[in-house]
Amino acid sequence: MALLHFSDILIKAGLDPAKVQLIRHAMSDKDFRACYEKNMVKEYTGEQKKDFNKGYDYWAVFISGKGTKARFYKLYRVGAAVPRCPEVMPRDYPCPKAFETPGDYYELEYSDILKEFENRLIIEWGDATRVWHQKGVTEKEIVAIQTSHNEEFVGYENVILSYENLKEVVENDVDYKLWHTALSNVKAVYLILDTKNGQQYVGSAYGNRGLLERWECYADTFHGNNKLMREVICDHPDRYQYFQFSILQIFSMSTPDDIIINAESLWKRKLGTKEYGMNAN
């Protein structure tokens, strides 16, 4: 049995859980991610289907984490709703098509009642993650209340991370917020060193979220779906613990992908990673 639930936090803060709706946004949703990256989570949350709010005074907003966990973002007091249309769309809203479809747009006012828990409190949302809005009285186990401190970014040229460090950075967007900002705003050519035998791998990152997106893949899979690295992990399952990550070259997000790919090829030639390392091509 859980020792503490989110409803306990609400009661302690003087809120009636029956008057609070829990909303979970998924980072895998491209529209939400676009709004998140523009600091427009409140505006995104206000965009709902007609008659969505059923007598709730507050919406407690969470953002998806690993598996079925969710991190508390902010609490909003619910105001009036108006029909969705282009005329009420927030300025610079990244998902304009949403205001061309039927629905309501709710006025939300930020509340600091739960400010001390913002981006620190993590709950177990449960197996029904597709049910993205639930009642505040629903028991949601609190699995962590993290300490809050902001790790300074060391500079691209100084980044040298073990696999353990890498995983900590990409999975903790609170303490490593500055790192996430820095890594998600550059395309890059990076180096992975197997400190066990000295072999190297050169890779490139040019996705929508830059180097952070690519390195998240290594945190999840150990090998990043690279052929020879996957074979190493297959033969030696714990080998990823010896991988070291660093940055060889960075580019602005506006740089064409072929420029990054050509730079990657040049670094492979310079370091001989196709002949003597872990690059298969």
C-alpha atoms as a PDB file:
ATOM      1  CA  MET A   1       0.000   0.000   0.000  1.00  0.00           C
ATOM      2  CA  ALA A   2       1.342   3.434  -0.915  1.00  0.00           C
ATOM      3  CA  LEU A   3       2.270   5.711   1.953  1.00  0.00           C
ATOM      4  CA  LEU A   4       1.292   8.903   0.148  1.00  0.00           C
ATOM      5  CA  HIS A   5      -1.015   9.789  -2.736  1.00  0.00           C
ATOM      6  CA  PHE A   6      -1.392  12.987  -4.740  1.00  0.00           C
ATOM      7  CA  SER A   7      -4.842  13.455  -3.202  1.00  0.00           C
ATOM      8  CA  ASP A   8      -3.109  13.684   0.197  1.00  0.00           C
ATOM      9  CA  ILE A   9      -1.043  16.588  -1.125  1.00  0.00           C
ATOM     10  CA  LEU A  10      -4.196  18.304  -2.360  1.00  0.00           C
ATOM     11  CA  ILE A  11      -5.929  17.936   1.004  1.00  0.00           C
ATOM     12  CA  LYS A  12      -2.885  19.216   2.883  1.00  0.00           C
ATOM     13  CA  ALA A  13      -2.856  22.273   0.591  1.00  0.00           C
ATOM     14  CA  GLY A  14      -6.493  22.970   1.431  1.00  0.00           C
ATOM     15  CA  LEU A  15      -7.931  21.714  -1.852  1.00  0.00           C
ATOM     16  CA  ASP A  16     -10.859  19.351  -2.300  1.00  0.00           C
ATOM     17  CA  PRO A  17      -9.645  16.467  -4.522  1.00  0.00           C
ATOM     18  CA  ALA A  18     -13.184  16.120  -5.893  1.00  0.00           C
ATOM     19  CA  LYS A  19     -12.829  19.623  -7.340  1.00  0.00           C
ATOM     20  CA  VAL A  20      -9.463  18.934  -9.012  1.00  0.00           C
ATOM     21  CA  GLN A  21      -9.033  17.238 -12.376  1.00  0.00           C
ATOM     22  CA  LEU A  22      -5.725  15.532 -13.194  1.00  0.00           C
ATOM     23  CA  ILE A  23      -4.438  15.985 -16.736  1.00  0.00           C
ATOM     24  CA  ARG A  24      -1.467  14.126 -18.192  1.00  0.00           C
ATOM     25  CA  HIS A  25       0.237  15.392 -21.349  1.00  0.00           C
ATOM     26  CA  ALA A  26       2.464  13.030 -23.344  1.00  0.00           C
ATOM     27  CA  MET A  27       5.849  14.126 -24.647  1.00  0.00           C
ATOM     28  CA  SER A  28       5.297  11.710 -27.532  1.00  0.00           C
ATOM     29  CA  ASP A  29       2.510  13.970 -28.841  1.00  0.00           C
ATOM     30  CA  LYS A  30       4.118  16.268 -31.409  1.00  0.00           C
ATOM     31  CA  ASP A  31       1.607  19.077 -30.850  1.00  0.00           C
ATOM     32  CA  PHE A  32       2.178  19.056 -27.103  1.00  0.00           C
ATOM     33  CA  ARG A  33       5.946  18.952 -27.526  1.00  0.00           C
ATOM     34  CA  ALA A  34       5.784  21.956 -29.861  1.00  0.00           C
ATOM     35  CA  CYS A  35       3.810  23.883 -27.243  1.00  0.00           C
ATOM     36  CA  TYR A  36       6.076  22.708 -24.418  1.00  0.00           C
ATOM     37  CA  GLU A  37       9.156  23.937 -26.238  1.00  0.00           C
ATOM     38  CA  LYS A  38       7.515  27.348 -26.717  1.00  0.00           C
ATOM     39  CA  ASN A  39       6.501  27.543 -23.038  1.00  0.00           C
ATOM     40  CA  MET A  40       2.817  27.330 -23.995  1.00  0.00           C
ATOM     41  CA  VAL A  41       1.685  24.377 -21.885  1.00  0.00           C
ATOM     42  CA  LYS A  42      -1.096  26.438 -20.307  1.00  0.00           C
ATOM     43  CA  GLU A  43      -2.424  27.428 -23.724  1.00  0.00           C
ATOM     44  CA  TYR A  44      -2.270  23.837 -24.946  1.00  0.00           C
ATOM     45  CA  THR A  45      -4.100  22.627 -21.841  1.00  0.00           C
ATOM     46  CA  GLY A  46      -6.856  25.184 -22.339  1.00  0.00           C
ATOM     47  CA  GLU A  47      -7.667  23.693 -25.742  1.00  0.00           C
ATOM     48  CA  GLN A  48     -10.268  20.981 -25.048  1.00  0.00           C
ATOM     49  CA  LYS A  49     -13.361  19.304 -26.454  1.00  0.00           C
ATOM     50  CA  LYS A  50     -16.761  20.905 -25.870  1.00  0.00           C
ATOM     51  CA  ASP A  51     -18.050  20.724 -22.275  1.00  0.00           C
ATOM     52  CA  PHE A  52     -14.807  19.092 -21.123  1.00  0.00           C
ATOM     53  CA  ASN A  53     -14.829  20.549 -17.615  1.00  0.00           C
ATOM     54  CA  LYS A  54     -17.399  18.864 -15.379  1.00  0.00           C
ATOM     55  CA  GLY A  55     -17.553  21.110 -12.322  1.00  0.00           C
ATOM     56  CA  TYR A  56     -13.838  21.137 -11.500  1.00  0.00           C
ATOM     57  CA  ASP A  57     -12.286  24.271  -9.998  1.00  0.00           C
ATOM     58  CA  TYR A  58      -8.668  23.315 -10.709  1.00  0.00           C
ATOM     59  CA  TRP A  59      -6.674  21.330 -13.234  1.00  0.00           C
ATOM     60  CA  ALA A  60      -3.455  19.716 -12.016  1.00  0.00           C
ATOM     61  CA  VAL A  61      -1.247  19.260 -15.057  1.00  0.00           C
ATOM     62  CA  PHE A  62       1.309  16.464 -15.343  1.00  0.00           C
ATOM     63  CA  ILE A  63       3.833  15.612 -18.066  1.00  0.00           C
ATOM     64  CA  SER A  64       4.639  12.041 -19.006  1.00  0.00           C
ATOM     65  CA  GLY A  65       7.838  10.487 -17.740  1.00  0.00           C
ATOM     66  CA  LYS A  66       9.421   7.084 -18.154  1.00  0.00           C
ATOM     67  CA  GLY A  67       6.922   4.266 -18.462  1.00  0.00           C
ATOM     68  CA  THR A  68       3.674   5.096 -16.699  1.00  0.00           C
ATOM     69  CA  LYS A  69       5.106   7.771 -14.420  1.00  0.00           C
ATOM     70  CA  ALA A  70       4.222  11.458 -14.677  1.00  0.00           C
ATOM     71  CA  ARG A  71       5.840  14.627 -13.330  1.00  0.00           C
ATOM     72  CA  PHE A  72       3.705  17.386 -11.804  1.00  0.00           C
ATOM     73  CA  TYR A  73       3.960  20.541 -13.895  1.00  0.00           C
ATOM     74  CA  LYS A  74       1.582  23.219 -12.572  1.00  0.00           C
ATOM     75  CA  LEU A  75      -1.835  23.836 -11.059  1.00  0.00           C
ATOM     76  CA  TYR A  76      -4.351  26.059 -12.854  1.00  0.00           C
ATOM     77  CA  ARG A  77      -7.652  27.537 -11.724  1.00  0.00           C
ATOM     78  CA  VAL A  78     -10.306  26.940 -14.374  1.00  0.00           C
ATOM     79  CA  GLY A  79     -12.184  29.926 -15.767  1.00  0.00           C
ATOM     80  CA  ALA A  80     -14.767  30.408 -18.473  1.00  0.00           C
ATOM     81  CA  ALA A  81     -14.742  28.586 -21.801  1.00  0.00           C
ATOM     82  CA  VAL A  82     -15.385  29.997 -25.256  1.00  0.00           C
ATOM     83  CA  PRO A  83     -15.845  28.136 -28.553  1.00  0.00           C
ATOM     84  CA  ARG A  84     -12.542  27.402 -30.288  1.00  0.00           C
ATOM     85  CA  CYS A  85     -11.941  29.524 -33.374  1.00  0.00           C
ATOM     86  CA  PRO A  86      -8.968  31.322 -34.982  1.00  0.00           C
ATOM     87  CA  GLU A  87     -10.001  34.610 -33.330  1.00  0.00           C
ATOM     88  CA  VAL A  88      -9.327  33.293 -29.805  1.00  0.00           C
ATOM     89  CA  MET A  89      -6.118  31.427 -30.671  1.00  0.00           C
ATOM     90  CA  PRO A  90      -3.127  32.615 -28.578  1.00  0.00           C
ATOM     91  CA  ARG A  91      -0.513  34.623 -30.409  1.00  0.00           C
ATOM     92  CA  ASP A  92       2.312  32.509 -31.908  1.00  0.00           C
ATOM     93  CA  TYR A  93       0.489  29.280 -31.042  1.00  0.00           C
ATOM     94  CA  PRO A  94       2.394  26.484 -32.849  1.00  0.00           C
ATOM     95  CA  CYS A  95      -0.668  24.309 -33.602  1.00  0.00           C
ATOM     96  CA  PRO A  96      -3.138  26.602 -35.429  1.00  0.00           C
ATOM     97  CA  LYS A  97      -5.182  23.757 -36.923  1.00  0.00           C
ATOM     98  CA  ALA A  98      -6.502  22.961 -33.453  1.00  0.00           C
ATOM     99  CA  PHE A  99      -8.498  26.190 -33.528  1.00  0.00           C
ATOM    100  CA  GLU A 100     -10.106  25.255 -36.834  1.00  0.00           C
ATOM    101  CA  THR A 101     -11.904  22.262 -35.285  1.00  0.00           C
ATOM    102  CA  PRO A 102     -14.921  22.235 -32.914  1.00  0.00           C
ATOM    103  CA  GLY A 103     -14.241  22.472 -29.212  1.00  0.00           C
ATOM    104  CA  ASP A 104     -13.768  24.884 -26.314  1.00  0.00           C
ATOM    105  CA  TYR A 105     -10.906  27.070 -25.192  1.00  0.00           C
ATOM    106  CA  TYR A 106     -10.680  27.498 -21.420  1.00  0.00           C
ATOM    107  CA  GLU A 107      -9.299  30.471 -19.572  1.00  0.00           C
ATOM    108  CA  LEU A 108      -6.739  29.141 -17.101  1.00  0.00           C
ATOM    109  CA  GLU A 109      -5.124  31.074 -14.281  1.00  0.00           C
ATOM    110  CA  TYR A 110      -1.876  29.827 -12.778  1.00  0.00           C
ATOM    111  CA  SER A 111      -2.090  28.974  -9.068  1.00  0.00           C
ATOM    112  CA  ASP A 112       0.982  28.832  -6.833  1.00  0.00           C
ATOM    113  CA  ILE A 113      -0.711  26.660  -4.191  1.00  0.00           C
ATOM    114  CA  LEU A 114       1.448  23.666  -5.190  1.00  0.00           C
ATOM    115  CA  LYS A 115       4.471  25.661  -6.351  1.00  0.00           C
ATOM    116  CA  GLU A 116       6.886  23.777  -4.083  1.00  0.00           C
ATOM    117  CA  PHE A 117       6.091  20.543  -5.946  1.00  0.00           C
ATOM    118  CA  GLU A 118       6.389  21.842  -9.508  1.00  0.00           C
ATOM    119  CA  ASN A 119       8.719  19.695 -11.645  1.00  0.00           C
ATOM    120  CA  ARG A 120       9.737  17.760  -8.524  1.00  0.00           C
ATOM    121  CA  LEU A 121       6.794  15.532  -7.661  1.00  0.00           C
ATOM    122  CA  ILE A 122       6.462  12.291  -9.632  1.00  0.00           C
ATOM    123  CA  ILE A 123       3.408  10.043  -9.501  1.00  0.00           C
ATOM    124  CA  GLU A 124       2.560   6.616 -10.825  1.00  0.00           C
ATOM    125  CA  TRP A 125      -0.192   7.397 -13.324  1.00  0.00           C
ATOM    126  CA  GLY A 126      -0.989   3.729 -13.749  1.00  0.00           C
ATOM    127  CA  ASP A 127      -1.501   1.347 -16.627  1.00  0.00           C
ATOM    128  CA  ALA A 128      -4.353   3.366 -18.146  1.00  0.00           C
ATOM    129  CA  THR A 129      -2.056   6.027 -19.607  1.00  0.00           C
ATOM    130  CA  ARG A 130      -4.448   6.485 -22.507  1.00  0.00           C
ATOM    131  CA  VAL A 131      -6.921   7.898 -19.996  1.00  0.00           C
ATOM    132  CA  TRP A 132      -5.135  11.240 -19.902  1.00  0.00           C
ATOM    133  CA  HIS A 133      -7.596  13.041 -17.619  1.00  0.00           C
ATOM    134  CA  GLN A 134      -8.822  11.613 -14.335  1.00  0.00           C
ATOM    135  CA  LYS A 135     -10.501  12.668 -11.103  1.00  0.00           C
ATOM    136  CA  GLY A 136      -8.441  14.156  -8.315  1.00  0.00           C
ATOM    137  CA  VAL A 137      -9.862  11.583  -5.910  1.00  0.00           C
ATOM    138  CA  THR A 138      -8.253   8.795  -7.955  1.00  0.00           C
ATOM    139  CA  GLU A 139      -5.390   7.349  -5.923  1.00  0.00           C
ATOM    140  CA  LYS A 140      -2.107   8.250  -7.602  1.00  0.00           C
ATOM    141  CA  GLU A 141       0.891   6.991  -5.684  1.00  0.00           C
ATOM    142  CA  ILE A 142       3.695   9.499  -5.188  1.00  0.00           C
ATOM    143  CA  VAL A 143       6.900   7.707  -6.147  1.00  0.00           C
ATOM    144  CA  ALA A 144       9.346  10.598  -5.682  1.00  0.00           C
ATOM    145  CA  ILE A 145       9.706  14.204  -4.602  1.00  0.00           C
ATOM    146  CA  GLN A 146      13.052  15.190  -6.016  1.00  0.00           C
ATOM    147  CA  THR A 147      15.451  17.743  -4.629  1.00  0.00           C
ATOM    148  CA  SER A 148      15.709  20.853  -6.756  1.00  0.00           C
ATOM    149  CA  HIS A 149      19.038  22.133  -7.980  1.00  0.00           C
ATOM    150  CA  ASN A 150      20.032  23.308 -11.431  1.00  0.00           C
ATOM    151  CA  GLU A 151      23.225  21.780 -12.791  1.00  0.00           C
ATOM    152  CA  GLU A 152      25.249  24.267 -14.825  1.00  0.00           C
ATOM    153  CA  PHE A 153      25.996  23.266 -18.414  1.00  0.00           C
ATOM    154  CA  VAL A 154      29.759  22.831 -18.778  1.00  0.00           C
ATOM    155  CA  GLY A 155      30.036  23.936 -22.415  1.00  0.00           C
ATOM    156  CA  TYR A 156      29.891  21.757 -25.520  1.00  0.00           C
ATOM    157  CA  GLU A 157      33.658  21.355 -25.759  1.00  0.00           C
ATOM    158  CA  ASN A 158      33.848  20.131 -22.151  1.00  0.00           C
ATOM    159  CA  VAL A 159      31.133  17.466 -22.306  1.00  0.00           C
ATOM    160  CA  ILE A 160      32.535  14.039 -21.381  1.00  0.00           C
ATOM    161  CA  LEU A 161      29.902  11.666 -20.014  1.00  0.00           C
ATOM    162  CA  SER A 162      29.955   8.057 -18.920  1.00  0.00           C
ATOM    163  CA  TYR A 163      26.853   6.061 -19.824  1.00  0.00           C
ATOM    164  CA  GLU A 164      25.615   6.435 -16.246  1.00  0.00           C
ATOM    165  CA  ASN A 165      26.088  10.220 -16.420  1.00  0.00           C
ATOM    166  CA  LEU A 166      24.403  10.370 -19.825  1.00  0.00           C
ATOM    167  CA  LYS A 167      21.344   8.506 -18.574  1.00  0.00           C
ATOM    168  CA  GLU A 168      21.058  10.797 -15.564  1.00  0.00           C
ATOM    169  CA  VAL A 169      21.249  13.907 -17.758  1.00  0.00           C
ATOM    170  CA  VAL A 170      18.661  12.873 -20.348  1.00  0.00           C
ATOM    171  CA  GLU A 171      16.176  11.464 -17.820  1.00  0.00           C
ATOM    172  CA  ASN A 172      16.279  14.369 -15.348  1.00  0.00           C
ATOM    173  CA  ASP A 173      14.988  17.463 -17.112  1.00  0.00           C
ATOM    174  CA  VAL A 174      14.619  19.338 -13.819  1.00  0.00           C
ATOM    175  CA  ASP A 175      18.146  19.333 -12.404  1.00  0.00           C
ATOM    176  CA  TYR A 176      19.602  19.272 -15.933  1.00  0.00           C
ATOM    177  CA  LYS A 177      17.279  21.825 -17.499  1.00  0.00           C
ATOM    178  CA  LEU A 178      20.229  23.890 -18.775  1.00  0.00           C
ATOM    179  CA  TRP A 179      21.769  20.770 -20.311  1.00  0.00           C
ATOM    180  CA  HIS A 180      18.501  19.889 -22.031  1.00  0.00           C
ATOM    181  CA  THR A 181      18.256  23.390 -23.460  1.00  0.00           C
ATOM    182  CA  ALA A 182      21.841  23.299 -24.721  1.00  0.00           C
ATOM    183  CA  LEU A 183      21.744  19.785 -26.193  1.00  0.00           C
ATOM    184  CA  SER A 184      18.338  20.168 -27.841  1.00  0.00           C
ATOM    185  CA  ASN A 185      19.347  23.348 -29.655  1.00  0.00           C
ATOM    186  CA  VAL A 186      22.295  22.068 -31.681  1.00  0.00           C
ATOM    187  CA  LYS A 187      22.908  19.516 -34.376  1.00  0.00           C
ATOM    188  CA  ALA A 188      26.201  17.737 -33.809  1.00  0.00           C
ATOM    189  CA  VAL A 189      28.829  15.150 -34.594  1.00  0.00           C
ATOM    190  CA  TYR A 190      29.609  13.136 -31.475  1.00  0.00           C
ATOM    191  CA  LEU A 191      32.084  10.484 -30.328  1.00  0.00           C
ATOM    192  CA  ILE A 192      31.527   7.335 -28.291  1.00  0.00           C
ATOM    193  CA  LEU A 193      34.640   5.736 -26.813  1.00  0.00           C
ATOM    194  CA  ASP A 194      34.690   2.180 -25.500  1.00  0.00           C
ATOM    195  CA  THR A 195      37.059   2.733 -22.580  1.00  0.00           C
ATOM    196  CA  LYS A 196      37.486  -1.032 -22.244  1.00  0.00           C
ATOM    197  CA  ASN A 197      39.372  -1.459 -25.530  1.00  0.00           C
ATOM    198  CA  GLY A 198      39.803   2.035 -26.976  1.00  0.00           C
ATOM    199  CA  GLN A 199      37.505   1.558 -29.971  1.00  0.00           C
ATOM    200  CA  GLN A 200      35.555   4.593 -31.123  1.00  0.00           C
ATOM    201  CA  TYR A 201      32.272   5.360 -32.837  1.00  0.00           C
ATOM    202  CA  VAL A 202      31.451   8.600 -34.651  1.00  0.00           C
ATOM    203  CA  GLY A 203      27.795   9.545 -35.030  1.00  0.00           C
ATOM    204  CA  SER A 204      25.708  12.543 -35.993  1.00  0.00           C
ATOM    205  CA  ALA A 205      22.533  14.137 -34.654  1.00  0.00           C
ATOM    206  CA  TYR A 206      20.222  16.255 -36.788  1.00  0.00           C
ATOM    207  CA  GLY A 207      16.698  15.448 -35.550  1.00  0.00           C
ATOM    208  CA  ASN A 208      14.093  17.966 -34.447  1.00  0.00           C
ATOM    209  CA  ARG A 209      15.495  18.042 -30.908  1.00  0.00           C
ATOM    210  CA  GLY A 210      19.126  17.961 -31.881  1.00  0.00           C
ATOM    211  CA  LEU A 211      21.765  16.070 -29.937  1.00  0.00           C
ATOM    212  CA  LEU A 212      19.500  15.485 -26.940  1.00  0.00           C
ATOM    213  CA  GLU A 213      17.102  13.398 -29.037  1.00  0.00           C
ATOM    214  CA  ARG A 214      19.918  11.194 -30.345  1.00  0.00           C
ATOM    215  CA  TRP A 215      21.512  10.659 -26.945  1.00  0.00           C
ATOM    216  CA  GLU A 216      18.146   9.745 -25.433  1.00  0.00           C
ATOM    217  CA  CYS A 217      18.205   6.753 -27.769  1.00  0.00           C
ATOM    218  CA  TYR A 218      21.490   5.549 -26.239  1.00  0.00           C
ATOM    219  CA  ALA A 219      20.098   5.971 -22.728  1.00  0.00           C
ATOM    220  CA  ASP A 220      17.148   3.757 -23.703  1.00  0.00           C
ATOM    221  CA  THR A 221      18.874   1.107 -25.855  1.00  0.00           C
ATOM    222  CA  PHE A 222      22.579   1.186 -24.801  1.00  0.00           C
ATOM    223  CA  HIS A 223      23.642   0.915 -28.483  1.00  0.00           C
ATOM    224  CA  GLY A 224      21.560   3.559 -30.285  1.00  0.00           C
ATOM    225  CA  ASN A 225      20.653   0.927 -32.908  1.00  0.00           C
ATOM    226  CA  ASN A 226      24.182   1.073 -34.334  1.00  0.00           C
ATOM    227  CA  LYS A 227      25.074  -2.258 -35.964  1.00  0.00           C
ATOM    228  CA  LEU A 228      28.524  -2.955 -34.500  1.00  0.00           C
ATOM    229  CA  MET A 229      27.696  -1.489 -31.095  1.00  0.00           C
ATOM    230  CA  ARG A 230      24.607  -3.690 -30.963  1.00  0.00           C
ATOM    231  CA  GLU A 231      26.813  -6.720 -31.665  1.00  0.00           C
ATOM    232  CA  VAL A 232      29.164  -5.690 -28.852  1.00  0.00           C
ATOM    233  CA  ILE A 233      26.251  -5.422 -26.408  1.00  0.00           C
ATOM    234  CA  CYS A 234      24.925  -8.794 -27.595  1.00  0.00           C
ATOM    235  CA  ASP A 235      28.280 -10.472 -26.871  1.00  0.00           C
ATOM    236  CA  HIS A 236      28.997  -8.453 -23.712  1.00  0.00           C
ATOM    237  CA  PRO A 237      25.686  -7.275 -22.156  1.00  0.00           C
ATOM    238  CA  ASP A 238      27.351  -5.007 -19.584  1.00  0.00           C
ATOM    239  CA  ARG A 239      29.759  -3.347 -22.028  1.00  0.00           C
ATOM    240  CA  TYR A 240      27.674  -0.159 -22.281  1.00  0.00           C
ATOM    241  CA  GLN A 241      28.923   0.740 -18.797  1.00  0.00           C
ATOM    242  CA  TYR A 242      32.306   1.492 -20.387  1.00  0.00           C
ATOM    243  CA  PHE A 243      30.966   3.828 -23.092  1.00  0.00           C
ATOM    244  CA  GLN A 244      32.031   7.468 -22.900  1.00  0.00           C
ATOM    245  CA  PHE A 245      30.195  10.237 -24.781  1.00  0.00           C
ATOM    246  CA  SER A 246      31.645  13.526 -26.024  1.00  0.00           C
ATOM    247  CA  ILE A 247      31.007  16.152 -28.712  1.00  0.00           C
ATOM    248  CA  LEU A 248      33.301  16.633 -31.709  1.00  0.00           C
ATOM    249  CA  GLN A 249      31.530  19.448 -33.550  1.00  0.00           C
ATOM    250  CA  ILE A 250      28.312  21.439 -33.189  1.00  0.00           C
ATOM    251  CA  PHE A 251      26.091  23.176 -35.743  1.00  0.00           C
ATOM    252  CA  SER A 252      23.100  25.486 -35.546  1.00  0.00           C
ATOM    253  CA  MET A 253      19.672  23.888 -35.926  1.00  0.00           C
ATOM    254  CA  SER A 254      19.268  25.678 -39.262  1.00  0.00           C
ATOM    255  CA  THR A 255      22.254  23.867 -40.793  1.00  0.00           C
ATOM    256  CA  PRO A 256      21.190  21.540 -43.656  1.00  0.00           C
ATOM    257  CA  ASP A 257      21.390  17.853 -42.717  1.00  0.00           C
ATOM    258  CA  ASP A 258      23.788  17.024 -45.543  1.00  0.00           C
ATOM    259  CA  ILE A 259      26.371  19.381 -44.013  1.00  0.00           C
ATOM    260  CA  ILE A 260      26.256  17.429 -40.744  1.00  0.00           C
ATOM    261  CA  ILE A 261      26.427  14.087 -42.569  1.00  0.00           C
ATOM    262  CA  ASN A 262      29.475  15.235 -44.555  1.00  0.00           C
ATOM    263  CA  ALA A 263      31.160  16.417 -41.352  1.00  0.00           C
ATOM    264  CA  GLU A 264      30.447  13.033 -39.774  1.00  0.00           C
ATOM    265  CA  SER A 265      32.135  11.281 -42.711  1.00  0.00           C
ATOM    266  CA  LEU A 266      35.167  13.538 -42.373  1.00  0.00           C
ATOM    267  CA  TRP A 267      35.540  12.739 -38.676  1.00  0.00           C
ATOM    268  CA  LYS A 268      35.284   9.019 -39.435  1.00  0.00           C
ATOM    269  CA  ARG A 269      38.198   9.398 -41.862  1.00  0.00           C
ATOM    270  CA  LYS A 270      40.246  11.443 -39.401  1.00  0.00           C
ATOM    271  CA  LEU A 271      39.783   8.952 -36.566  1.00  0.00           C
ATOM    272  CA  GLY A 272      39.767   5.775 -38.660  1.00  0.00           C
ATOM    273  CA  THR A 273      36.609   4.506 -37.015  1.00  0.00           C
ATOM    274  CA  LYS A 274      35.489   2.485 -40.053  1.00  0.00           C
ATOM    275  CA  GLU A 275      38.766   0.589 -40.226  1.00  0.00           C
ATOM    276  CA  TYR A 276      39.629   0.371 -36.519  1.00  0.00           C
ATOM    277  CA  GLY A 277      36.500   1.365 -34.631  1.00  0.00           C
ATOM    278  CA  MET A 278      32.796   0.647 -34.350  1.00  0.00           C
ATOM    279  CA  ASN A 279      31.484   2.359 -37.489  1.00  0.00           C
ATOM    280  CA  ALA A 280      30.105  -0.189 -39.963  1.00  0.00           C
ATOM    281  CA  ASN A 281      29.886   2.388 -42.763  1.00  0.00           C
END
